[in-house]
Amino acid sequence: MSLLSVIRRWHFREGMSQREIARRTGLSRNTVKKYLKDQTIEPVYSKRSTLSKLDEFEELLISWLKREARRPRKQRKTVKNLFQDLVSIGYSGSYDRVASFVRKWREEQKLTSSKQMYMPLEFAPGEAFQFDWGENWAYINGCKTKLQVAHFKLSNSRAFLLRAYYAQSHEMLFDAHNHAFRVFQGVPERGIYDNMKTAVDAVKKGKERIVNRRFLAMVSHYLFEADFCNPAAGWEKGQIEKNVRDARSIIWQRAPKVRALAELNEWLEAQCVQDWQSRKHPQYSNETIEQVWLNERPHLMKVTAPFDGFIEQGKRVSSTCLVNFDRNKYSVPASYANRRVSLHVYPDKIALLAEGQQVAEHLRVFNPRHEPPRIIYNWRHYLLVAQRKPGSIRNGAPFNLLPDSFKHLQSILLQRQGGDKEMVEVLSLVLHHDEKHVEQAIEMALEAGTPSKQHVINCLSRLLSPEPVEPAPVSKGLRLITEPTSDTSRYDELRGQRHAQ
C-alpha cells in the first residue's frame, strides 16, 4: 500500500517517468503502467482458493449443523462427534479443519441473526409480569448443588425476585408464585410465560394452547391472564431473559454457603430488595426501581390468600406401612397398611390423607441420583404393630429413632421378663399425652434409679396434676345473732316413742 502511494506521488506530483519509477522500484513497466492507468488507490488481489478434503462434505456438514441447532442445547452433538460421523463416511482430513469450518459457520449464523428487527415494548403500571426458569449452582450443607431458579419481573417497574428449588415441578412453580406476589404485594393483570411443560400440555397453531388444569386453577385463584409466547420467540419476554443472564453476575457470584435451601431463599429475597433500592430504572433514570415499584403497587390487585399449590397422587400403603415417592419412602400409621391414601406434595413437605383427614406429614427429602434412596420413619406410626407384637421393638427400624431417654429406659426394661410389653405400654402414652411430658416423666423415673411402667405413669400423673388450690377465704362480714347450740338429746325425740328405750 505504501509503495503504491509512492508510485502515484512520483508520477503525478513530481512528473517522474514510468521508466524511472520501474527502475527505482524494481517493478515491471507494465505493472507501473497498470497502477497509474486504472487510478488504483488500493491494490485488489484475487481471493485465494485452495482445495480441501472437506469440500465434498460441506453441504452434508451444514445440514448436520442446522439439525443440531434446532435440538435442545443439552442434546446437541459436539464438533468432535460430528468429526467422527464424517470419518465414518469417508472423510480423511483433520479435525482442526472441521472445527475451523464449524466455527466460521456459527459466526456467520450469529451475524445473520443479529440483523433481525424487533419492536420496543412498553408496559403500563400493573399490566404484566414475566416469568422464566434458570439454572445455578450453590453450596448447600457443604455440597455443590444444582438448583432451578424461578425468576419473576414486573414489566413496568422492573422489580424482580429470585427463588431457588431442587426441581421445576408444579408444586415448585406454584410456591414461587405465592412468594413473588407476597413480595410484590399484589398481582398484575397478565403473566407472560414461555411454553413450559408445567403450564402447557400442548402447543397448537398460533396462540392456541392446551393449558395444564392445575396451572389454570392457580391462574383462576390469582385472577390474572396467562399469555404464552410463540415458540423460539424469547424477545417477547426479553426483560426476564436478560434478568436470568444478569443474575448470574449480579447476585449468584456472591451467594454464601448455606445449611439449607430455605436459608438461601431468604438471602436471595433480601438481595433482590436491596438491588431495587440501589439500581436505577432503565427508562426513568432519575428514579430507582424501588421508587417506580412504589408507584406501580396501587395498580396491583391485593392478594387475599396464597394458592394451596400441592400436587395430589394416589398411593397404596405397603404392608410395612410405607409409601413410595420420588425414590424415597415415607411412613404411614399402621392402621392404614395395605390401603390407598392420597399424597399431597408440597415443595418442603409431604402430607398423607385418608378419608378426607390428614393422617401423616413428613419433611420432604431430596437426595441426589448418585445417593441411595432413603426411608423416613415416624416411630409413632408403628405403635399399633408394637402393641400386637411387643417383641418387634427390639429390632424394629423405626424405633431406632427414639429419644435417648426412651432408649435408656428400653435397655433397662428389656432385661426383665415381659419388659418388651411394658416398654410398649410406656411408648403408647404418647398417643394420649404430650411427648415432652412423657419424656420428662421417663427422665424423672430414671433419676430415681428404679424405673418401671408404674413409676413412669406415677411421674406423669404428678406432672399433669394441677397445683393444689387454696381454699376460698371465708367472708367475715356476716355474723349470726344467735349462735346454734349442740343438743344431742334432740335425736331421741326425733326417733319417736316407738323406738324410745
Protein backbone atom coordinates (compact mmCIF):
# COMPACT_ATOMS: atom_id res chain seq x y z
CA MET A 1 0.00 0.00 0.00
CA SER A 2 2.83 2.44 0.85
CA LEU A 3 4.65 1.55 -2.38
CA LEU A 4 1.56 2.31 -4.45
CA SER A 5 1.29 5.71 -2.76
CA VAL A 6 4.94 6.46 -3.59
CA ILE A 7 4.48 5.49 -7.25
CA ARG A 8 1.47 7.75 -7.66
CA ARG A 9 3.17 10.67 -5.89
CA TRP A 10 6.34 10.39 -8.03
CA HIS A 11 4.39 10.33 -11.27
CA PHE A 12 1.55 12.83 -10.68
CA ARG A 13 3.24 15.27 -8.33
CA GLU A 14 6.90 15.16 -9.35
CA GLY A 15 6.38 14.22 -13.05
CA MET A 16 8.69 11.19 -12.95
CA SER A 17 8.51 8.87 -15.97
CA GLN A 18 7.25 5.32 -15.79
CA ARG A 19 10.69 4.02 -16.86
CA GLU A 20 12.40 5.79 -13.97
CA ILE A 21 9.76 4.58 -11.48
CA ALA A 22 10.22 0.97 -12.71
CA ARG A 23 13.99 1.32 -12.32
CA ARG A 24 13.75 2.67 -8.77
CA THR A 25 11.10 0.24 -7.51
CA GLY A 26 12.21 -2.89 -9.39
CA LEU A 27 8.66 -3.40 -10.73
CA SER A 28 7.95 -4.10 -14.37
CA ARG A 29 6.89 -1.17 -16.53
CA ASN A 30 3.57 -2.91 -17.25
CA THR A 31 2.79 -3.09 -13.53
CA VAL A 32 3.62 0.58 -13.05
CA LYS A 33 1.56 1.47 -16.09
CA LYS A 34 -1.41 -0.53 -14.80
CA TYR A 35 -1.37 1.18 -11.41
CA LEU A 36 -1.18 4.62 -12.96
CA LYS A 37 -3.71 3.98 -15.75
CA ASP A 38 -6.51 2.50 -13.59
CA GLN A 39 -6.20 5.21 -10.96
CA THR A 40 -5.90 2.41 -8.39
CA ILE A 41 -5.76 3.62 -4.82
CA GLU A 42 -5.73 0.23 -3.09
CA PRO A 43 -4.42 -2.97 -4.65
CA VAL A 44 -7.03 -5.69 -5.14
CA TYR A 45 -5.93 -9.29 -5.02
CA SER A 46 -7.95 -12.20 -6.22
CA LYS A 47 -9.28 -14.50 -3.49
CA ARG A 48 -7.08 -17.50 -3.00
CA SER A 49 -8.87 -20.77 -3.50
CA THR A 50 -7.37 -23.98 -2.21
CA LEU A 51 -8.75 -27.46 -2.44
CA SER A 52 -9.67 -29.16 0.81
CA LYS A 53 -10.67 -32.71 1.72
CA LEU A 54 -13.71 -31.19 3.42
CA ASP A 55 -15.09 -29.60 0.21
CA GLU A 56 -17.17 -32.62 -0.82
CA PHE A 57 -18.64 -32.92 2.70
CA GLU A 58 -19.51 -29.22 3.21
CA GLU A 59 -23.20 -29.44 2.27
CA LEU A 60 -23.69 -32.53 4.46
CA LEU A 61 -21.90 -30.90 7.40
CA ILE A 62 -24.02 -27.72 7.07
CA SER A 63 -27.22 -29.80 7.13
CA TRP A 64 -25.99 -31.53 10.28
CA LEU A 65 -25.20 -28.18 11.92
CA LYS A 66 -28.68 -26.86 11.14
CA ARG A 67 -30.22 -30.02 12.58
CA GLU A 68 -28.19 -29.74 15.80
CA ALA A 69 -29.07 -26.04 16.16
CA ARG A 70 -32.77 -26.98 16.36
CA ARG A 71 -32.20 -29.51 19.14
CA PRO A 72 -32.18 -28.67 22.88
CA ARG A 73 -28.80 -27.43 24.00
CA LYS A 74 -28.04 -30.45 26.18
CA GLN A 75 -28.87 -32.91 23.37
CA ARG A 76 -26.65 -31.38 20.67
CA LYS A 77 -23.65 -33.22 19.29
CA THR A 78 -20.23 -31.71 19.82
CA VAL A 79 -17.85 -30.87 16.99
CA LYS A 80 -15.84 -33.96 17.87
CA ASN A 81 -18.96 -36.11 17.45
CA LEU A 82 -19.62 -34.55 14.04
CA PHE A 83 -15.99 -35.17 13.03
CA GLN A 84 -16.31 -38.84 13.97
CA ASP A 85 -19.52 -39.10 11.91
CA LEU A 86 -17.67 -37.64 8.90
CA VAL A 87 -14.79 -40.07 9.32
CA SER A 88 -17.23 -42.98 9.35
CA ILE A 89 -18.50 -42.00 5.87
CA GLY A 90 -15.07 -41.47 4.27
CA TYR A 91 -13.66 -38.12 5.39
CA SER A 92 -9.86 -38.36 5.66
CA GLY A 93 -8.99 -34.82 6.65
CA SER A 94 -8.04 -33.39 10.05
CA TYR A 95 -10.23 -32.47 12.98
CA ASP A 96 -8.84 -28.90 13.00
CA ARG A 97 -10.22 -28.30 9.51
CA VAL A 98 -13.71 -29.39 10.60
CA ALA A 99 -13.53 -27.31 13.79
CA SER A 100 -12.46 -24.23 11.80
CA PHE A 101 -15.33 -24.67 9.36
CA VAL A 102 -17.91 -25.09 12.17
CA ARG A 103 -16.56 -22.03 13.98
CA LYS A 104 -16.82 -19.89 10.82
CA TRP A 105 -20.34 -21.16 10.05
CA ARG A 106 -21.59 -20.39 13.56
CA GLU A 107 -20.15 -16.86 13.40
CA GLU A 108 -21.96 -16.26 10.12
CA GLN A 109 -25.22 -17.53 11.64
CA LYS A 110 -24.75 -15.23 14.62
CA LEU A 111 -24.25 -12.24 12.32
CA THR A 112 -27.35 -13.21 10.35
CA SER A 113 -29.49 -13.47 13.48
CA SER A 114 -28.19 -10.16 14.80
CA LYS A 115 -29.66 -8.44 11.74
CA GLN A 116 -33.22 -9.26 12.84
CA MET A 117 -35.51 -6.40 13.79
CA TYR A 118 -37.58 -6.11 16.98
CA MET A 119 -40.30 -3.82 18.28
CA PRO A 120 -39.52 -1.96 21.53
CA LEU A 121 -42.09 -2.85 24.18
CA GLU A 122 -43.63 -0.66 26.87
CA PHE A 123 -45.91 -1.73 29.73
CA ALA A 124 -48.32 0.24 31.87
CA PRO A 125 -48.16 0.03 35.70
CA GLY A 126 -49.68 -3.22 36.94
CA GLU A 127 -50.16 -4.53 33.40
CA ALA A 128 -47.88 -7.58 33.30
CA PHE A 129 -45.13 -9.64 34.84
CA GLN A 130 -42.70 -12.05 33.16
CA PHE A 131 -41.56 -15.47 34.38
CA ASP A 132 -38.78 -17.86 33.43
CA TRP A 133 -36.63 -20.63 34.89
CA GLY A 134 -32.85 -20.56 35.16
CA GLU A 135 -30.13 -22.89 36.45
CA ASN A 136 -27.46 -22.07 39.02
CA TRP A 137 -25.16 -23.80 41.48
CA ALA A 138 -24.88 -23.21 45.22
CA TYR A 139 -23.20 -24.84 48.22
CA ILE A 140 -25.88 -26.32 50.49
CA ASN A 141 -24.79 -28.20 53.60
CA GLY A 142 -21.25 -28.43 52.23
CA CYS A 143 -22.25 -29.90 48.83
CA LYS A 144 -22.28 -28.15 45.47
CA THR A 145 -25.91 -28.45 44.38
CA LYS A 146 -27.58 -27.70 41.07
CA LEU A 147 -30.68 -25.57 41.58
CA GLN A 148 -33.61 -24.50 39.43
CA VAL A 149 -34.24 -20.78 39.97
CA ALA A 150 -37.62 -19.14 39.38
CA HIS A 151 -37.28 -15.57 38.03
CA PHE A 152 -40.14 -13.04 38.29
CA LYS A 153 -40.07 -9.47 36.98
CA LEU A 154 -42.69 -6.72 36.91
CA SER A 155 -42.66 -5.38 33.36
CA ASN A 156 -43.25 -1.74 34.34
CA SER A 157 -41.16 -1.16 37.47
CA ARG A 158 -38.55 -3.89 36.71
CA ALA A 159 -38.82 -5.16 40.31
CA PHE A 160 -37.68 -8.78 40.29
CA LEU A 161 -37.48 -11.79 42.59
CA LEU A 162 -35.42 -14.98 42.55
CA ARG A 163 -36.35 -18.18 44.37
CA ALA A 164 -34.40 -21.45 44.21
CA TYR A 165 -35.75 -25.02 44.13
CA TYR A 166 -34.46 -28.52 43.51
CA ALA A 167 -36.74 -29.11 40.50
CA GLN A 168 -39.14 -27.39 38.07
CA SER A 169 -42.23 -29.36 39.06
CA HIS A 170 -45.75 -28.00 39.57
CA GLU A 171 -45.57 -27.55 43.32
CA MET A 172 -42.33 -25.56 42.95
CA LEU A 173 -43.94 -23.31 40.32
CA PHE A 174 -46.97 -22.60 42.49
CA ASP A 175 -44.87 -21.90 45.57
CA ALA A 176 -42.73 -19.46 43.56
CA HIS A 177 -45.86 -17.52 42.54
CA ASN A 178 -47.03 -17.36 46.16
CA HIS A 179 -43.75 -15.81 47.29
CA ALA A 180 -43.47 -13.47 44.28
CA PHE A 181 -46.91 -11.95 44.80
CA ARG A 182 -46.20 -11.67 48.53
CA VAL A 183 -43.02 -9.68 47.88
CA PHE A 184 -44.58 -7.59 45.09
CA GLN A 185 -47.61 -7.00 47.38
CA GLY A 186 -50.06 -7.63 44.58
CA VAL A 187 -50.84 -9.38 41.29
CA PRO A 188 -50.60 -7.77 37.80
CA GLU A 189 -53.27 -8.26 35.17
CA ARG A 190 -51.23 -10.56 32.93
CA GLY A 191 -48.40 -13.07 33.20
CA ILE A 192 -46.04 -13.74 30.27
CA TYR A 193 -44.55 -17.26 30.05
CA ASP A 194 -42.78 -19.49 27.60
CA ASN A 195 -44.32 -22.85 26.71
CA MET A 196 -43.02 -24.73 29.77
CA LYS A 197 -44.34 -28.25 30.38
CA THR A 198 -45.67 -27.41 33.84
CA ALA A 199 -48.07 -24.90 32.25
CA VAL A 200 -48.72 -26.02 28.67
CA ASP A 201 -49.73 -29.58 27.83
CA ALA A 202 -49.71 -28.97 24.06
CA VAL A 203 -48.82 -26.11 21.69
CA LYS A 204 -51.38 -25.63 18.92
CA LYS A 205 -51.45 -23.33 15.91
CA GLY A 206 -50.77 -19.67 16.60
CA LYS A 207 -51.55 -18.65 20.16
CA GLU A 208 -53.78 -21.62 20.86
CA ARG A 209 -52.60 -23.73 23.80
CA ILE A 210 -53.87 -26.66 25.83
CA VAL A 211 -53.10 -25.36 29.32
CA ASN A 212 -52.48 -27.65 32.27
CA ARG A 213 -55.57 -27.91 34.52
CA ARG A 214 -53.63 -27.43 37.75
CA PHE A 215 -51.92 -24.35 36.31
CA LEU A 216 -55.33 -22.99 35.30
CA ALA A 217 -56.50 -23.43 38.88
CA MET A 218 -53.61 -21.27 40.09
CA VAL A 219 -54.35 -18.62 37.41
CA SER A 220 -58.01 -18.60 38.41
CA HIS A 221 -57.10 -18.22 42.08
CA TYR A 222 -54.97 -15.11 41.46
CA LEU A 223 -57.24 -13.74 38.70
CA PHE A 224 -54.65 -12.88 36.08
CA GLU A 225 -54.40 -13.77 32.40
CA ALA A 226 -51.70 -16.21 31.29
CA ASP A 227 -50.07 -15.21 28.00
CA PHE A 228 -47.71 -17.71 26.32
CA CYS A 229 -45.00 -16.64 23.87
CA ASN A 230 -44.62 -18.04 20.38
CA PRO A 231 -42.11 -20.92 20.14
CA ALA A 232 -38.50 -19.70 19.87
CA ALA A 233 -39.60 -16.07 20.40
CA GLY A 234 -37.76 -15.18 23.57
CA TRP A 235 -37.81 -11.49 22.68
CA GLU A 236 -41.50 -11.42 23.68
CA LYS A 237 -40.31 -11.66 27.29
CA GLY A 238 -36.90 -10.13 26.80
CA GLN A 239 -36.81 -8.47 30.23
CA ILE A 240 -36.81 -11.75 32.14
CA GLU A 241 -34.47 -13.41 29.62
CA LYS A 242 -31.94 -10.68 30.34
CA ASN A 243 -32.61 -10.94 34.06
CA VAL A 244 -31.75 -14.66 34.06
CA ARG A 245 -28.41 -13.87 32.46
CA ASP A 246 -27.61 -10.81 34.58
CA ALA A 247 -28.47 -12.53 37.88
CA ARG A 248 -25.51 -14.86 37.45
CA SER A 249 -23.08 -11.97 37.71
CA ILE A 250 -25.09 -9.60 39.92
CA ILE A 251 -26.29 -11.98 42.64
CA TRP A 252 -25.02 -15.56 42.32
CA GLN A 253 -21.35 -14.61 42.28
CA ARG A 254 -21.63 -13.57 45.93
CA ALA A 255 -24.03 -16.31 47.08
CA PRO A 256 -22.95 -17.63 50.52
CA LYS A 257 -22.56 -21.25 51.61
CA VAL A 258 -25.71 -22.22 53.49
CA ARG A 259 -27.00 -25.15 55.52
CA ALA A 260 -30.48 -25.34 53.98
CA LEU A 261 -32.33 -24.18 50.89
CA ALA A 262 -34.67 -22.02 52.98
CA GLU A 263 -31.69 -20.03 54.23
CA LEU A 264 -30.54 -19.42 50.64
CA ASN A 265 -34.00 -18.22 49.60
CA GLU A 266 -34.11 -15.74 52.48
CA TRP A 267 -30.75 -14.37 51.34
CA LEU A 268 -31.91 -14.16 47.70
CA GLU A 269 -35.05 -12.24 48.65
CA ALA A 270 -33.04 -9.75 50.72
CA GLN A 271 -30.55 -9.28 47.86
CA CYS A 272 -33.32 -8.62 45.32
CA VAL A 273 -34.97 -5.98 47.52
CA GLN A 274 -31.57 -4.39 48.16
CA ASP A 275 -30.94 -4.24 44.41
CA TRP A 276 -34.26 -2.43 43.90
CA GLN A 277 -33.07 0.28 46.24
CA SER A 278 -29.70 0.85 44.54
CA ARG A 279 -30.29 0.24 40.83
CA LYS A 280 -31.63 2.99 38.59
CA HIS A 281 -34.67 2.30 36.45
CA PRO A 282 -33.61 1.89 32.77
CA GLN A 283 -36.46 4.09 31.50
CA TYR A 284 -36.76 6.60 34.35
CA SER A 285 -33.11 7.27 35.05
CA ASN A 286 -33.76 9.72 37.88
CA GLU A 287 -35.65 7.09 39.92
CA THR A 288 -34.68 3.76 41.42
CA ILE A 289 -36.54 0.51 40.76
CA GLU A 290 -38.00 0.67 44.26
CA GLN A 291 -39.42 4.15 43.69
CA VAL A 292 -41.10 3.07 40.43
CA TRP A 293 -42.39 -0.08 42.17
CA LEU A 294 -43.99 2.05 44.89
CA ASN A 295 -45.82 3.94 42.15
CA GLU A 296 -46.89 0.69 40.48
CA ARG A 297 -48.05 -1.04 43.69
CA PRO A 298 -51.50 0.71 43.83
CA HIS A 299 -52.23 -0.75 40.37
CA LEU A 300 -51.67 -4.34 41.56
CA MET A 301 -54.56 -6.47 42.83
CA LYS A 302 -54.21 -7.35 46.51
CA VAL A 303 -53.61 -10.99 47.47
CA THR A 304 -56.24 -12.28 49.89
CA ALA A 305 -54.80 -15.78 50.40
CA PRO A 306 -51.94 -17.82 48.91
CA PHE A 307 -52.70 -20.64 46.49
CA ASP A 308 -52.62 -24.12 48.06
CA GLY A 309 -50.23 -25.40 45.44
CA PHE A 310 -49.96 -29.10 46.17
CA ILE A 311 -49.83 -31.97 43.69
CA GLU A 312 -52.09 -34.90 44.53
CA GLN A 313 -51.23 -38.53 43.85
CA GLY A 314 -52.99 -41.73 44.85
CA LYS A 315 -50.72 -44.21 46.65
CA ARG A 316 -51.10 -47.66 48.13
CA VAL A 317 -49.56 -48.18 51.56
CA SER A 318 -47.35 -51.26 51.76
CA SER A 319 -47.58 -53.93 54.44
CA THR A 320 -44.60 -52.27 56.13
CA CYS A 321 -46.63 -49.03 56.41
CA LEU A 322 -44.60 -47.17 53.77
CA VAL A 323 -45.46 -45.07 50.71
CA ASN A 324 -43.08 -44.58 47.77
CA PHE A 325 -42.49 -41.13 46.32
CA ASP A 326 -39.57 -39.74 44.30
CA ARG A 327 -37.22 -42.67 45.10
CA ASN A 328 -37.85 -42.30 48.86
CA LYS A 329 -40.25 -43.98 51.27
CA TYR A 330 -42.37 -42.30 53.95
CA SER A 331 -44.14 -43.99 56.87
CA VAL A 332 -47.92 -44.02 57.43
CA PRO A 333 -49.85 -45.03 60.60
CA ALA A 334 -50.14 -48.83 60.79
CA SER A 335 -53.94 -48.71 60.73
CA TYR A 336 -53.73 -47.66 57.04
CA ALA A 337 -51.45 -50.52 55.92
CA ASN A 338 -52.49 -52.14 52.61
CA ARG A 339 -54.95 -49.30 51.97
CA ARG A 340 -54.98 -46.45 49.48
CA VAL A 341 -54.22 -42.92 50.66
CA SER A 342 -53.95 -39.52 48.98
CA LEU A 343 -50.48 -37.98 48.78
CA HIS A 344 -50.26 -34.16 48.75
CA VAL A 345 -46.84 -32.98 47.57
CA TYR A 346 -45.53 -29.55 48.60
CA PRO A 347 -42.07 -28.10 47.94
CA ASP A 348 -40.97 -28.69 51.54
CA LYS A 349 -43.29 -31.36 52.95
CA ILE A 350 -45.33 -34.48 52.20
CA ALA A 351 -48.89 -34.78 53.57
CA LEU A 352 -50.85 -38.07 53.55
CA LEU A 353 -54.65 -38.04 53.75
CA ALA A 354 -57.23 -40.76 54.17
CA GLU A 355 -60.99 -40.28 54.12
CA GLY A 356 -60.50 -36.52 53.85
CA GLN A 357 -58.38 -36.31 57.03
CA GLN A 358 -54.62 -35.81 57.27
CA VAL A 359 -53.05 -38.88 58.88
CA ALA A 360 -49.33 -38.15 58.46
CA GLU A 361 -46.88 -35.41 57.49
CA HIS A 362 -43.16 -35.54 56.74
CA LEU A 363 -40.49 -33.08 55.69
CA ARG A 364 -39.74 -33.69 52.02
CA VAL A 365 -36.33 -35.21 51.34
CA PHE A 366 -34.32 -34.50 48.19
CA ASN A 367 -31.37 -36.80 47.56
CA PRO A 368 -29.06 -36.74 44.51
CA ARG A 369 -29.27 -39.52 41.95
CA HIS A 370 -25.92 -40.98 42.97
CA GLU A 371 -27.13 -41.47 46.57
CA PRO A 372 -29.28 -44.48 47.59
CA PRO A 373 -33.00 -43.98 48.37
CA ARG A 374 -33.93 -43.08 51.93
CA ILE A 375 -36.68 -44.25 54.30
CA ILE A 376 -38.26 -41.62 56.53
CA TYR A 377 -39.85 -43.17 59.62
CA ASN A 378 -42.09 -41.83 62.37
CA TRP A 379 -41.91 -44.39 65.19
CA ARG A 380 -45.36 -43.36 66.46
CA HIS A 381 -46.85 -44.80 63.25
CA TYR A 382 -45.74 -48.31 64.33
CA LEU A 383 -47.15 -48.36 67.86
CA LEU A 384 -50.16 -50.41 66.73
CA VAL A 385 -47.81 -53.08 65.35
CA ALA A 386 -45.75 -53.00 68.54
CA GLN A 387 -48.86 -53.44 70.68
CA ARG A 388 -49.75 -56.61 68.77
CA LYS A 389 -46.14 -57.82 68.56
CA PRO A 390 -44.19 -56.37 71.54
CA GLY A 391 -41.03 -58.27 70.66
CA SER A 392 -40.71 -56.29 67.41
CA ILE A 393 -39.40 -53.23 69.25
CA ARG A 394 -36.07 -54.98 69.89
CA ASN A 395 -35.01 -54.76 66.22
CA GLY A 396 -37.68 -52.52 64.75
CA ALA A 397 -36.02 -49.99 62.44
CA PRO A 398 -38.44 -47.14 63.28
CA PHE A 399 -37.65 -47.44 67.00
CA ASN A 400 -34.00 -46.62 66.35
CA LEU A 401 -35.23 -43.01 66.20
CA LEU A 402 -36.44 -42.93 69.81
CA PRO A 403 -35.11 -40.12 72.04
CA ASP A 404 -32.15 -41.00 74.23
CA SER A 405 -34.20 -41.20 77.43
CA PHE A 406 -36.60 -43.67 75.77
CA LYS A 407 -33.68 -45.82 74.59
CA HIS A 408 -32.14 -45.80 78.08
CA LEU A 409 -35.43 -46.94 79.63
CA GLN A 410 -35.78 -49.60 76.93
CA SER A 411 -32.32 -51.02 77.65
CA ILE A 412 -33.32 -51.42 81.33
CA LEU A 413 -36.81 -52.85 80.79
CA LEU A 414 -35.78 -55.37 78.13
CA GLN A 415 -33.54 -57.08 80.71
CA ARG A 416 -36.66 -58.09 82.66
CA GLN A 417 -39.22 -60.73 81.82
CA GLY A 418 -42.07 -59.08 79.94
CA GLY A 419 -40.07 -55.89 79.63
CA ASP A 420 -40.82 -55.51 75.92
CA LYS A 421 -44.58 -55.39 76.59
CA GLU A 422 -44.00 -52.96 79.44
CA MET A 423 -41.92 -50.71 77.16
CA VAL A 424 -44.65 -50.74 74.51
CA GLU A 425 -47.18 -49.58 77.10
CA VAL A 426 -44.84 -46.73 78.06
CA LEU A 427 -44.44 -45.73 74.40
CA SER A 428 -48.22 -45.82 73.96
CA LEU A 429 -48.52 -42.98 76.47
CA VAL A 430 -47.58 -40.54 73.69
CA LEU A 431 -50.90 -41.35 71.98
CA HIS A 432 -52.78 -39.67 74.83
CA HIS A 433 -50.25 -37.21 76.27
CA ASP A 434 -47.69 -34.73 75.04
CA GLU A 435 -44.44 -36.46 74.13
CA LYS A 436 -42.42 -33.86 76.06
CA HIS A 437 -44.34 -34.66 79.24
CA VAL A 438 -43.81 -38.40 78.73
CA GLU A 439 -40.11 -37.85 78.12
CA GLN A 440 -39.86 -35.72 81.24
CA ALA A 441 -41.64 -38.43 83.28
CA ILE A 442 -39.19 -41.05 81.99
CA GLU A 443 -36.25 -38.87 82.97
CA MET A 444 -37.70 -38.48 86.48
CA ALA A 445 -38.10 -42.26 86.76
CA LEU A 446 -34.54 -42.83 85.56
CA GLU A 447 -33.18 -40.36 88.10
CA ALA A 448 -34.95 -42.28 90.89
CA GLY A 449 -32.91 -45.36 89.96
CA THR A 450 -35.71 -47.96 89.70
CA PRO A 451 -37.65 -47.15 86.52
CA SER A 452 -40.76 -49.13 85.64
CA LYS A 453 -44.03 -48.64 83.81
CA GLN A 454 -45.88 -47.84 87.03
CA HIS A 455 -43.17 -45.41 88.10
CA VAL A 456 -43.32 -43.57 84.76
CA ILE A 457 -47.14 -43.34 84.93
CA ASN A 458 -46.88 -42.05 88.51
CA CYS A 459 -44.38 -39.37 87.50
CA LEU A 460 -46.56 -38.41 84.52
CA SER A 461 -49.61 -38.06 86.76
CA ARG A 462 -47.71 -35.76 89.09
CA LEU A 463 -46.62 -33.64 86.14
CA LEU A 464 -50.15 -33.37 84.80
CA SER A 465 -51.99 -32.92 88.12
CA PRO A 466 -52.88 -29.29 88.79
CA GLU A 467 -51.36 -27.40 91.67
CA PRO A 468 -53.38 -27.60 94.95
CA VAL A 469 -55.91 -24.82 95.08
CA GLU A 470 -56.03 -22.74 98.22
CA PRO A 471 -59.46 -22.66 99.90
CA ALA A 472 -61.54 -19.61 99.24
CA PRO A 473 -61.33 -17.10 102.09
CA VAL A 474 -64.40 -17.04 104.38
CA SER A 475 -66.18 -13.74 104.45
CA LYS A 476 -66.29 -12.18 107.91
CA GLY A 477 -68.89 -9.61 107.03
CA LEU A 478 -71.87 -11.78 108.13
CA ARG A 479 -72.29 -12.91 111.75
CA LEU A 480 -75.12 -14.87 113.43
CA ILE A 481 -77.11 -13.09 116.11
CA THR A 482 -77.98 -16.36 117.88
CA GLU A 483 -75.30 -18.99 117.75
CA PRO A 484 -76.65 -22.59 117.37
CA THR A 485 -76.13 -24.94 120.35
CA SER A 486 -75.46 -28.65 120.21
CA ASP A 487 -78.13 -30.74 121.98
CA THR A 488 -77.77 -34.48 121.50
CA SER A 489 -80.96 -35.26 123.38
CA ARG A 490 -82.94 -33.99 120.44
CA TYR A 491 -82.07 -37.10 118.47
CA ASP A 492 -84.08 -39.33 120.83
CA GLU A 493 -87.10 -37.10 120.35
CA LEU A 494 -86.81 -37.42 116.64
CA ARG A 495 -86.84 -41.23 116.85
CA GLY A 496 -90.32 -41.21 118.32
CA GLN A 497 -91.93 -43.20 121.14
CA ARG A 498 -91.80 -46.49 119.32
CA HIS A 499 -88.01 -46.52 119.36
CA ALA A 500 -87.53 -44.98 122.78
CA GLN A 501 -85.84 -47.20 125.40
